[in-house]
Amino acid sequence: MKTKTWTVITNTGKQADLESGPEKKTVQKPTHISPREFTHWLAAKSRIDDASLQSLFKR
């Protein structure tokens, strides 16, 4: 199964908007990390795959 890669469109430190082709989703900041860490993990215009995105929430 191919891993989906998301492009980060915006990140406010509280939520990030992601896009993968025609699909879009909004991700809320996990409570266990700071807004600064969230912005670092999902920097605007960066790309992140599903596995990396899931690891951010599994601490």
PDB file of N, CA and C in Angstrom:
ATOM      1  N   MET A   1       0.833  -1.187   0.000  1.00  0.00           N
ATOM      2  CA  MET A   1       0.000   0.000   0.000  1.00  0.00           C
ATOM      3  C   MET A   1       0.880   1.254   0.000  1.00  0.00           C
ATOM      4  N   LYS A   2       0.562   2.170  -0.870  1.00  0.00           N
ATOM      5  CA  LYS A   2       1.351   3.394  -0.991  1.00  0.00           C
ATOM      6  C   LYS A   2       0.998   4.377   0.127  1.00  0.00           C
ATOM      7  N   THR A   3       2.019   5.004   0.695  1.00  0.00           N
ATOM      8  CA  THR A   3       1.810   6.004   1.736  1.00  0.00           C
ATOM      9  C   THR A   3       1.444   7.328   1.094  1.00  0.00           C
ATOM     10  N   LYS A   4       0.421   7.975   1.635  1.00  0.00           N
ATOM     11  CA  LYS A   4      -0.023   9.266   1.107  1.00  0.00           C
ATOM     12  C   LYS A   4       0.890  10.369   1.650  1.00  0.00           C
ATOM     13  N   THR A   5       1.258  11.300   0.793  1.00  0.00           N
ATOM     14  CA  THR A   5       2.071  12.442   1.199  1.00  0.00           C
ATOM     15  C   THR A   5       1.208  13.691   1.169  1.00  0.00           C
ATOM     16  N   TRP A   6       1.268  14.448   2.261  1.00  0.00           N
ATOM     17  CA  TRP A   6       0.485  15.675   2.408  1.00  0.00           C
ATOM     18  C   TRP A   6       1.397  16.883   2.277  1.00  0.00           C
ATOM     19  N   THR A   7       0.914  17.930   1.636  1.00  0.00           N
ATOM     20  CA  THR A   7       1.604  19.209   1.568  1.00  0.00           C
ATOM     21  C   THR A   7       0.946  20.128   2.591  1.00  0.00           C
ATOM     22  N   VAL A   8       1.771  20.776   3.411  1.00  0.00           N
ATOM     23  CA  VAL A   8       1.249  21.695   4.423  1.00  0.00           C
ATOM     24  C   VAL A   8       0.968  23.033   3.739  1.00  0.00           C
ATOM     25  N   ILE A   9      -0.283  23.481   3.834  1.00  0.00           N
ATOM     26  CA  ILE A   9      -0.675  24.746   3.205  1.00  0.00           C
ATOM     27  C   ILE A   9      -0.480  25.885   4.208  1.00  0.00           C
ATOM     28  N   THR A  10      -1.045  25.749   5.400  1.00  0.00           N
ATOM     29  CA  THR A  10      -0.873  26.746   6.459  1.00  0.00           C
ATOM     30  C   THR A  10      -0.760  26.034   7.795  1.00  0.00           C
ATOM     31  N   ASN A  11      -0.119  26.703   8.746  1.00  0.00           N
ATOM     32  CA  ASN A  11      -0.033  26.189  10.113  1.00  0.00           C
ATOM     33  C   ASN A  11      -0.055  27.391  11.047  1.00  0.00           C
ATOM     34  N   THR A  12      -1.080  27.460  11.905  1.00  0.00           N
ATOM     35  CA  THR A  12      -1.238  28.586  12.821  1.00  0.00           C
ATOM     36  C   THR A  12      -0.633  28.319  14.192  1.00  0.00           C
ATOM     37  N   GLY A  13      -0.123  27.108  14.413  1.00  0.00           N
ATOM     38  CA  GLY A  13       0.369  26.732  15.729  1.00  0.00           C
ATOM     39  C   GLY A  13      -0.701  26.006  16.533  1.00  0.00           C
ATOM     40  N   LYS A  14      -1.952  26.137  16.115  1.00  0.00           N
ATOM     41  CA  LYS A  14      -3.065  25.420  16.759  1.00  0.00           C
ATOM     42  C   LYS A  14      -3.681  24.400  15.828  1.00  0.00           C
ATOM     43  N   GLN A  15      -3.607  24.683  14.531  1.00  0.00           N
ATOM     44  CA  GLN A  15      -4.092  23.734  13.535  1.00  0.00           C
ATOM     45  C   GLN A  15      -3.338  23.946  12.230  1.00  0.00           C
ATOM     46  N   ALA A  16      -3.269  22.881  11.444  1.00  0.00           N
ATOM     47  CA  ALA A  16      -2.600  22.945  10.149  1.00  0.00           C
ATOM     48  C   ALA A  16      -3.563  22.462   9.074  1.00  0.00           C
ATOM     49  N   ASP A  17      -3.506  23.093   7.930  1.00  0.00           N
ATOM     50  CA  ASP A  17      -4.301  22.682   6.779  1.00  0.00           C
ATOM     51  C   ASP A  17      -3.384  21.929   5.822  1.00  0.00           C
ATOM     52  N   LEU A  18      -3.782  20.707   5.478  1.00  0.00           N
ATOM     53  CA  LEU A  18      -2.982  19.840   4.617  1.00  0.00           C
ATOM     54  C   LEU A  18      -3.750  19.521   3.346  1.00  0.00           C
ATOM     55  N   GLU A  19      -2.991  19.207   2.290  1.00  0.00           N
ATOM     56  CA  GLU A  19      -3.593  18.908   0.994  1.00  0.00           C
ATOM     57  C   GLU A  19      -2.806  17.776   0.344  1.00  0.00           C
ATOM     58  N   SER A  20      -3.535  16.836  -0.240  1.00  0.00           N
ATOM     59  CA  SER A  20      -2.921  15.750  -1.009  1.00  0.00           C
ATOM     60  C   SER A  20      -3.754  15.597  -2.266  1.00  0.00           C
ATOM     61  N   GLY A  21      -3.304  16.216  -3.349  1.00  0.00           N
ATOM     62  CA  GLY A  21      -4.100  16.238  -4.579  1.00  0.00           C
ATOM     63  C   GLY A  21      -5.401  16.969  -4.319  1.00  0.00           C
ATOM     64  N   PRO A  22      -6.535  16.366  -4.679  1.00  0.00           N
ATOM     65  CA  PRO A  22      -7.823  17.031  -4.449  1.00  0.00           C
ATOM     66  C   PRO A  22      -8.314  16.922  -3.001  1.00  0.00           C
ATOM     67  N   GLU A  23      -7.654  16.063  -2.215  1.00  0.00           N
ATOM     68  CA  GLU A  23      -8.077  15.831  -0.834  1.00  0.00           C
ATOM     69  C   GLU A  23      -7.456  16.873   0.099  1.00  0.00           C
ATOM     70  N   LYS A  24      -8.259  17.357   1.040  1.00  0.00           N
ATOM     71  CA  LYS A  24      -7.774  18.339   2.021  1.00  0.00           C
ATOM     72  C   LYS A  24      -8.180  17.884   3.414  1.00  0.00           C
ATOM     73  N   LYS A  25      -7.391  18.238   4.426  1.00  0.00           N
ATOM     74  CA  LYS A  25      -7.791  17.975   5.801  1.00  0.00           C
ATOM     75  C   LYS A  25      -7.140  18.978   6.725  1.00  0.00           C
ATOM     76  N   THR A  26      -7.776  19.153   7.881  1.00  0.00           N
ATOM     77  CA  THR A  26      -7.267  20.044   8.916  1.00  0.00           C
ATOM     78  C   THR A  26      -6.852  19.182  10.100  1.00  0.00           C
ATOM     79  N   VAL A  27      -5.668  19.446  10.630  1.00  0.00           N
ATOM     80  CA  VAL A  27      -5.131  18.690  11.758  1.00  0.00           C
ATOM     81  C   VAL A  27      -5.012  19.625  12.953  1.00  0.00           C
ATOM     82  N   GLN A  28      -5.602  19.232  14.077  1.00  0.00           N
ATOM     83  CA  GLN A  28      -5.501  20.017  15.309  1.00  0.00           C
ATOM     84  C   GLN A  28      -4.207  19.658  16.037  1.00  0.00           C
ATOM     85  N   LYS A  29      -3.620  20.610  16.723  1.00  0.00           N
ATOM     86  CA  LYS A  29      -2.386  20.384  17.480  1.00  0.00           C
ATOM     87  C   LYS A  29      -2.644  19.396  18.614  1.00  0.00           C
ATOM     88  N   PRO A  30      -1.794  18.355  18.737  1.00  0.00           N
ATOM     89  CA  PRO A  30      -1.926  17.451  19.878  1.00  0.00           C
ATOM     90  C   PRO A  30      -1.644  18.203  21.185  1.00  0.00           C
ATOM     91  N   THR A  31      -2.301  17.813  22.252  1.00  0.00           N
ATOM     92  CA  THR A  31      -2.157  18.536  23.521  1.00  0.00           C
ATOM     93  C   THR A  31      -0.783  18.361  24.160  1.00  0.00           C
ATOM     94  N   HIS A  32      -0.049  17.309  23.816  1.00  0.00           N
ATOM     95  CA  HIS A  32       1.230  17.030  24.458  1.00  0.00           C
ATOM     96  C   HIS A  32       2.420  17.789  23.861  1.00  0.00           C
ATOM     97  N   ILE A  33       2.199  18.586  22.824  1.00  0.00           N
ATOM     98  CA  ILE A  33       3.301  19.378  22.271  1.00  0.00           C
ATOM     99  C   ILE A  33       2.922  20.851  22.250  1.00  0.00           C
ATOM    100  N   SER A  34       3.934  21.697  22.179  1.00  0.00           N
ATOM    101  CA  SER A  34       3.705  23.142  22.164  1.00  0.00           C
ATOM    102  C   SER A  34       3.371  23.603  20.742  1.00  0.00           C
ATOM    103  N   PRO A  35       2.753  24.791  20.636  1.00  0.00           N
ATOM    104  CA  PRO A  35       2.486  25.341  19.295  1.00  0.00           C
ATOM    105  C   PRO A  35       3.766  25.495  18.476  1.00  0.00           C
ATOM    106  N   ARG A  36       4.857  25.831  19.152  1.00  0.00           N
ATOM    107  CA  ARG A  36       6.135  26.006  18.444  1.00  0.00           C
ATOM    108  C   ARG A  36       6.611  24.677  17.842  1.00  0.00           C
ATOM    109  N   GLU A  37       6.495  23.592  18.624  1.00  0.00           N
ATOM    110  CA  GLU A  37       6.874  22.273  18.111  1.00  0.00           C
ATOM    111  C   GLU A  37       5.973  21.862  16.948  1.00  0.00           C
ATOM    112  N   PHE A  38       4.682  22.150  17.063  1.00  0.00           N
ATOM    113  CA  PHE A  38       3.730  21.812  16.014  1.00  0.00           C
ATOM    114  C   PHE A  38       4.077  22.550  14.724  1.00  0.00           C
ATOM    115  N   THR A  39       4.417  23.816  14.839  1.00  0.00           N
ATOM    116  CA  THR A  39       4.803  24.612  13.671  1.00  0.00           C
ATOM    117  C   THR A  39       6.095  24.077  13.065  1.00  0.00           C
ATOM    118  N   HIS A  40       7.021  23.627  13.929  1.00  0.00           N
ATOM    119  CA  HIS A  40       8.280  23.060  13.444  1.00  0.00           C
ATOM    120  C   HIS A  40       8.025  21.747  12.700  1.00  0.00           C
ATOM    121  N   TRP A  41       7.180  20.877  13.270  1.00  0.00           N
ATOM    122  CA  TRP A  41       6.868  19.590  12.657  1.00  0.00           C
ATOM    123  C   TRP A  41       6.188  19.765  11.309  1.00  0.00           C
ATOM    124  N   LEU A  42       5.267  20.731  11.236  1.00  0.00           N
ATOM    125  CA  LEU A  42       4.472  20.928  10.020  1.00  0.00           C
ATOM    126  C   LEU A  42       4.697  22.330   9.466  1.00  0.00           C
ATOM    127  N   ALA A  43       5.916  22.596   9.073  1.00  0.00           N
ATOM    128  CA  ALA A  43       6.250  23.907   8.533  1.00  0.00           C
ATOM    129  C   ALA A  43       5.490  24.142   7.226  1.00  0.00           C
ATOM    130  N   ALA A  44       5.051  25.371   7.019  1.00  0.00           N
ATOM    131  CA  ALA A  44       4.309  25.706   5.795  1.00  0.00           C
ATOM    132  C   ALA A  44       5.118  25.322   4.566  1.00  0.00           C
ATOM    133  N   LYS A  45       4.428  24.741   3.602  1.00  0.00           N
ATOM    134  CA  LYS A  45       4.980  24.293   2.315  1.00  0.00           C
ATOM    135  C   LYS A  45       5.872  23.060   2.441  1.00  0.00           C
ATOM    136  N   SER A  46       5.925  22.425   3.623  1.00  0.00           N
ATOM    137  CA  SER A  46       6.674  21.185   3.742  1.00  0.00           C
ATOM    138  C   SER A  46       5.771  20.025   3.351  1.00  0.00           C
ATOM    139  N   ARG A  47       6.356  18.840   3.244  1.00  0.00           N
ATOM    140  CA  ARG A  47       5.600  17.650   2.883  1.00  0.00           C
ATOM    141  C   ARG A  47       5.797  16.622   3.990  1.00  0.00           C
ATOM    142  N   ILE A  48       4.732  15.917   4.330  1.00  0.00           N
ATOM    143  CA  ILE A  48       4.786  14.914   5.384  1.00  0.00           C
ATOM    144  C   ILE A  48       3.925  13.729   4.959  1.00  0.00           C
ATOM    145  N   ASP A  49       4.424  12.520   5.234  1.00  0.00           N
ATOM    146  CA  ASP A  49       3.630  11.341   4.865  1.00  0.00           C
ATOM    147  C   ASP A  49       2.743  10.927   6.036  1.00  0.00           C
ATOM    148  N   ASP A  50       1.787  10.050   5.759  1.00  0.00           N
ATOM    149  CA  ASP A  50       0.826   9.612   6.773  1.00  0.00           C
ATOM    150  C   ASP A  50       1.496   9.003   7.999  1.00  0.00           C
ATOM    151  N   ALA A  51       2.545   8.194   7.795  1.00  0.00           N
ATOM    152  CA  ALA A  51       3.217   7.536   8.922  1.00  0.00           C
ATOM    153  C   ALA A  51       3.852   8.569   9.850  1.00  0.00           C
ATOM    154  N   SER A  52       4.490   9.581   9.291  1.00  0.00           N
ATOM    155  CA  SER A  52       5.108  10.634  10.114  1.00  0.00           C
ATOM    156  C   SER A  52       4.047  11.447  10.833  1.00  0.00           C
ATOM    157  N   LEU A  53       2.945  11.709  10.167  1.00  0.00           N
ATOM    158  CA  LEU A  53       1.852  12.463  10.763  1.00  0.00           C
ATOM    159  C   LEU A  53       1.266  11.694  11.944  1.00  0.00           C
ATOM    160  N   GLN A  54       1.074  10.399  11.793  1.00  0.00           N
ATOM    161  CA  GLN A  54       0.549   9.572  12.875  1.00  0.00           C
ATOM    162  C   GLN A  54       1.508   9.519  14.053  1.00  0.00           C
ATOM    163  N   SER A  55       2.813   9.476  13.798  1.00  0.00           N
ATOM    164  CA  SER A  55       3.795   9.411  14.880  1.00  0.00           C
ATOM    165  C   SER A  55       3.769  10.674  15.747  1.00  0.00           C
ATOM    166  N   LEU A  56       3.385  11.782  15.162  1.00  0.00           N
ATOM    167  CA  LEU A  56       3.270  13.038  15.901  1.00  0.00           C
ATOM    168  C   LEU A  56       2.205  12.944  16.999  1.00  0.00           C
ATOM    169  N   PHE A  57       1.177  12.145  16.756  1.00  0.00           N
ATOM    170  CA  PHE A  57       0.073  12.025  17.699  1.00  0.00           C
ATOM    171  C   PHE A  57       0.220  10.863  18.676  1.00  0.00           C
ATOM    172  N   LYS A  58       1.183   9.974  18.470  1.00  0.00           N
ATOM    173  CA  LYS A  58       1.306   8.752  19.276  1.00  0.00           C
ATOM    174  C   LYS A  58       2.359   8.839  20.366  1.00  0.00           C
ATOM    175  N   ARG A  59       2.491   9.937  21.042  1.00  0.00           N
ATOM    176  CA  ARG A  59       3.508  10.029  22.100  1.00  0.00           C
ATOM    177  C   ARG A  59       2.935   9.658  23.424  1.00  0.00           C
TER     178      ARG A  59
END
